Amino acid sequence: MRVLVVEDEVGLAETIRDGLAREGFTVDLTHDGVDGLWAATETPYGEYDAIVLDIMLPKLSGYEVCRQLRGRGVWTPVLMLTAKDGEYDQADALDLGADDYLIKPFSFVVLIAHLRALIRRGAPERPTVLAAGDLTLDPSARRVAREGTPIPVTPREFALLEFLMRNKGSAVTKTAILRNVWDAHFDGDPNIVEVYIGYLRKKIDYPFERCAIETVRGAGYRLATHG
């Protein structure tokens, strides 16, 4: 799951990013409203699953970012963050198209719960449980299984498998995987993708004597639709 965090308090933004990453989210950060609006509308590899948006931002307020997103037909779920606690601030945010509202300081556990609830509600066309043959992945329960047998995976392995399953039947490049599963600005060794593909194969393929993850020469990887 990919989340955009638009927060001008750099320390808080990094804390949110690190915490979400530990839960298996892929997180992009921006620190002002103009950059946040650009990221939310121009990101090349698909829409975000949710946007965490501060109200008091430099250059363009969170209110205005939300208003422009909805005006452009971008319906990505938006969770507003603010230090304000007035009922009119909350009402203004919701009237402009925000989906939820969280007042600083907030519990990180509550933030995660709000985000997961928003993602479930904001994408009704997505199946509750993703499936490819006998391979299943439950995004809300964070469970992977094959032939009904639970398979323990790390948060990064889960994020990689989820991305492959949401694009099952299509070849996805290493670049697309790095941007969606690691970070839009990842500058490490791209062979990390091959390493994690190997980890997944050892868990979801080899024990079941079949191949769900295919290597597409010159293109990347593909999750077979039959699983």
Protein backbone atom coordinates (compact mmCIF):
# COMPACT_ATOMS: atom_id res chain seq x y z
CA MET A 1 0.00 0.00 0.00
CA ARG A 2 1.36 3.39 -0.99
CA VAL A 3 0.73 6.56 1.02
CA LEU A 4 1.62 10.20 0.40
CA VAL A 5 2.39 12.22 3.54
CA VAL A 6 2.24 16.02 3.17
CA GLU A 7 3.56 17.49 6.42
CA ASP A 8 5.80 20.53 6.91
CA GLU A 9 7.14 19.46 10.32
CA VAL A 10 10.07 17.43 8.99
CA GLY A 11 10.64 15.48 12.20
CA LEU A 12 6.99 14.46 12.45
CA ALA A 13 6.85 13.60 8.75
CA GLU A 14 9.88 11.32 9.07
CA THR A 15 8.47 9.69 12.19
CA ILE A 16 5.21 8.95 10.34
CA ARG A 17 7.14 7.62 7.33
CA ASP A 18 9.33 5.33 9.43
CA GLY A 19 6.38 4.02 11.42
CA LEU A 20 4.28 3.34 8.33
CA ALA A 21 7.23 1.65 6.62
CA ARG A 22 7.52 -0.75 9.56
CA GLU A 23 3.87 -1.65 8.97
CA GLY A 24 4.56 -2.46 5.32
CA PHE A 25 3.45 0.80 3.71
CA THR A 26 5.43 2.54 0.99
CA VAL A 27 5.60 6.24 1.87
CA ASP A 28 6.42 9.36 -0.16
CA LEU A 29 7.01 12.64 1.70
CA THR A 30 6.50 16.26 0.69
CA HIS A 31 6.72 19.29 2.97
CA ASP A 32 4.54 21.96 1.37
CA GLY A 33 1.17 22.17 -0.34
CA VAL A 34 2.47 22.82 -3.86
CA ASP A 35 4.72 19.77 -3.87
CA GLY A 36 2.01 17.71 -2.21
CA LEU A 37 -0.54 18.62 -4.87
CA TRP A 38 1.94 17.82 -7.63
CA ALA A 39 2.80 14.44 -6.12
CA ALA A 40 -0.85 13.52 -5.65
CA THR A 41 -1.76 14.35 -9.24
CA GLU A 42 1.39 13.61 -11.26
CA THR A 43 2.87 10.46 -9.70
CA PRO A 44 3.59 8.24 -12.71
CA TYR A 45 2.98 4.77 -11.29
CA GLY A 46 -0.67 4.95 -10.32
CA GLU A 47 -2.70 6.57 -7.62
CA TYR A 48 -1.85 6.56 -3.94
CA ASP A 49 -3.96 4.39 -1.67
CA ALA A 50 -4.29 7.31 0.77
CA ILE A 51 -2.99 10.81 1.46
CA VAL A 52 -2.07 12.08 4.93
CA LEU A 53 -2.45 15.86 4.62
CA ASP A 54 -1.59 18.55 7.17
CA ILE A 55 -3.87 21.59 7.13
CA MET A 56 -1.30 24.27 7.98
CA LEU A 57 1.19 23.99 5.10
CA PRO A 58 3.55 26.48 3.40
CA LYS A 59 2.68 27.73 -0.11
CA LEU A 60 -0.73 26.06 -0.28
CA SER A 61 -2.89 25.06 2.67
CA GLY A 62 -4.15 21.55 3.16
CA TYR A 63 -7.67 22.89 2.66
CA GLU A 64 -6.72 24.19 -0.79
CA VAL A 65 -4.82 21.04 -1.72
CA CYS A 66 -7.87 18.95 -0.88
CA ARG A 67 -10.21 21.30 -2.73
CA GLN A 68 -8.07 21.18 -5.87
CA LEU A 69 -7.70 17.41 -5.74
CA ARG A 70 -11.44 16.92 -5.62
CA GLY A 71 -11.91 19.57 -8.31
CA ARG A 72 -9.62 17.58 -10.60
CA GLY A 73 -11.52 14.38 -9.96
CA VAL A 74 -8.84 12.83 -7.73
CA TRP A 75 -10.73 10.79 -5.16
CA THR A 76 -7.83 9.24 -3.27
CA PRO A 77 -8.85 9.00 0.42
CA VAL A 78 -7.54 11.99 2.40
CA LEU A 79 -6.79 11.98 6.11
CA MET A 80 -6.32 15.52 7.43
CA LEU A 81 -3.82 16.20 10.23
CA THR A 82 -3.92 19.40 12.23
CA ALA A 83 -2.99 20.92 15.56
CA LYS A 84 -6.33 22.74 15.54
CA ASP A 85 -9.18 21.23 17.50
CA GLY A 86 -12.10 23.48 16.65
CA GLU A 87 -15.25 21.84 15.35
CA TYR A 88 -15.41 24.34 12.46
CA ASP A 89 -11.94 23.33 11.28
CA GLN A 90 -13.07 19.73 11.18
CA ALA A 91 -16.27 20.66 9.38
CA ASP A 92 -14.35 22.75 6.81
CA ALA A 93 -12.01 19.85 6.07
CA LEU A 94 -14.86 17.41 5.57
CA ASP A 95 -16.87 19.89 3.49
CA LEU A 96 -13.90 20.31 1.14
CA GLY A 97 -13.75 16.57 0.50
CA ALA A 98 -11.49 15.13 3.21
CA ASP A 99 -12.50 11.66 4.33
CA ASP A 100 -11.22 11.73 7.89
CA TYR A 101 -9.61 14.06 10.41
CA LEU A 102 -7.00 13.48 13.13
CA ILE A 103 -5.91 16.05 15.72
CA LYS A 104 -2.28 16.38 16.80
CA PRO A 105 -0.90 14.92 18.96
CA PHE A 106 -2.28 11.55 17.95
CA SER A 107 -1.58 7.93 18.73
CA PHE A 108 0.30 6.14 15.96
CA VAL A 109 -1.86 3.08 16.52
CA VAL A 110 -4.93 5.23 15.86
CA LEU A 111 -3.34 6.72 12.73
CA ILE A 112 -2.73 3.22 11.32
CA ALA A 113 -6.30 2.17 12.12
CA HIS A 114 -7.72 5.28 10.43
CA LEU A 115 -5.55 4.77 7.34
CA ARG A 116 -6.47 1.12 6.91
CA ALA A 117 -10.16 1.93 7.36
CA LEU A 118 -9.90 4.71 4.76
CA ILE A 119 -8.13 2.46 2.27
CA ARG A 120 -10.76 -0.22 2.66
CA ARG A 121 -13.61 2.26 2.22
CA GLY A 122 -11.90 4.30 -0.48
CA ALA A 123 -11.33 1.49 -2.91
CA PRO A 124 -14.54 -0.56 -2.99
CA GLU A 125 -13.67 -2.00 -6.38
CA ARG A 126 -10.69 -3.81 -4.89
CA PRO A 127 -11.45 -7.32 -3.63
CA THR A 128 -11.25 -7.80 0.11
CA VAL A 129 -8.84 -10.67 -0.48
CA LEU A 130 -6.55 -10.71 -3.53
CA ALA A 131 -6.20 -14.09 -5.22
CA ALA A 132 -4.20 -15.77 -7.99
CA GLY A 133 -5.23 -19.40 -8.17
CA ASP A 134 -4.67 -20.93 -4.73
CA LEU A 135 -2.45 -18.03 -3.60
CA THR A 136 -4.30 -15.44 -1.49
CA LEU A 137 -3.35 -12.15 0.18
CA ASP A 138 -5.56 -10.31 2.64
CA PRO A 139 -4.47 -6.62 2.79
CA SER A 140 -6.47 -5.72 5.90
CA ALA A 141 -5.52 -8.79 7.96
CA ARG A 142 -1.95 -8.80 6.54
CA ARG A 143 -2.17 -12.54 5.77
CA VAL A 144 -0.75 -14.62 2.93
CA ALA A 145 -1.78 -18.21 2.28
CA ARG A 146 -1.43 -20.92 -0.36
CA GLU A 147 -3.74 -23.91 -0.56
CA GLY A 148 -5.14 -22.50 2.68
CA THR A 149 -1.76 -22.82 4.40
CA PRO A 150 -0.65 -19.57 6.12
CA ILE A 151 2.71 -18.25 4.93
CA PRO A 152 4.67 -15.91 7.24
CA VAL A 153 6.23 -12.98 5.36
CA THR A 154 8.05 -9.81 6.37
CA PRO A 155 6.41 -6.39 5.80
CA ARG A 156 8.61 -5.78 2.73
CA GLU A 157 7.84 -9.21 1.29
CA PHE A 158 4.14 -8.56 1.88
CA ALA A 159 4.32 -5.20 0.09
CA LEU A 160 6.14 -6.75 -2.87
CA LEU A 161 3.68 -9.62 -3.18
CA GLU A 162 0.72 -7.24 -2.88
CA PHE A 163 2.10 -5.09 -5.72
CA LEU A 164 2.60 -8.16 -7.92
CA MET A 165 -0.89 -9.44 -7.14
CA ARG A 166 -2.53 -6.10 -7.92
CA ASN A 167 -0.79 -6.29 -11.29
CA LYS A 168 -1.15 -10.05 -11.83
CA GLY A 169 -0.82 -11.18 -15.41
CA SER A 170 1.22 -8.08 -16.31
CA ALA A 171 4.99 -7.75 -16.41
CA VAL A 172 6.27 -5.12 -13.97
CA THR A 173 9.74 -3.64 -14.22
CA LYS A 174 12.31 -3.37 -11.45
CA THR A 175 11.88 0.39 -11.62
CA ALA A 176 8.14 0.14 -11.01
CA ILE A 177 8.72 -2.27 -8.13
CA LEU A 178 11.32 -0.02 -6.52
CA ARG A 179 9.09 3.05 -6.81
CA ASN A 180 6.02 1.34 -5.37
CA VAL A 181 7.49 -1.07 -2.85
CA TRP A 182 10.64 0.73 -1.71
CA ASP A 183 10.69 4.48 -2.38
CA ALA A 184 10.20 6.88 -5.27
CA HIS A 185 13.75 8.16 -4.71
CA PHE A 186 15.44 4.83 -3.94
CA ASP A 187 19.11 5.07 -4.89
CA GLY A 188 20.44 1.75 -3.57
CA ASP A 189 21.30 -1.41 -5.47
CA PRO A 190 18.37 -2.29 -7.79
CA ASN A 191 19.32 -5.94 -7.41
CA ILE A 192 17.55 -5.80 -4.04
CA VAL A 193 14.43 -6.60 -6.09
CA GLU A 194 15.93 -9.92 -7.22
CA VAL A 195 16.87 -10.71 -3.64
CA TYR A 196 13.32 -10.22 -2.38
CA ILE A 197 11.81 -12.06 -5.34
CA GLY A 198 14.04 -14.94 -4.27
CA TYR A 199 12.80 -14.68 -0.68
CA LEU A 200 9.18 -14.82 -1.86
CA ARG A 201 9.77 -17.77 -4.17
CA LYS A 202 11.26 -19.76 -1.29
CA LYS A 203 8.06 -19.15 0.68
CA ILE A 204 5.20 -19.22 -1.82
CA ASP A 205 6.55 -21.32 -4.71
CA TYR A 206 9.19 -23.90 -3.83
CA PRO A 207 7.37 -25.55 -0.90
CA PHE A 208 4.31 -26.04 -3.15
CA GLU A 209 6.31 -27.21 -6.18
CA ARG A 210 4.91 -24.63 -8.56
CA CYS A 211 5.80 -21.20 -9.94
CA ALA A 212 3.58 -18.18 -9.32
CA ILE A 213 6.29 -15.55 -9.84
CA GLU A 214 7.66 -15.61 -13.37
CA THR A 215 10.76 -13.84 -14.67
CA VAL A 216 10.02 -11.97 -17.90
CA ARG A 217 13.31 -11.61 -19.76
CA GLY A 218 14.13 -7.96 -20.42
CA ALA A 219 10.92 -6.77 -18.72
CA GLY A 220 10.88 -7.74 -15.06
CA TYR A 221 8.53 -10.04 -13.19
CA ARG A 222 4.97 -11.25 -13.55
CA LEU A 223 2.61 -13.00 -11.17
CA ALA A 224 0.80 -15.75 -13.06
CA THR A 225 -2.99 -15.37 -13.02
CA HIS A 226 -3.39 -19.05 -12.21
CA GLY A 227 -1.11 -18.66 -9.16
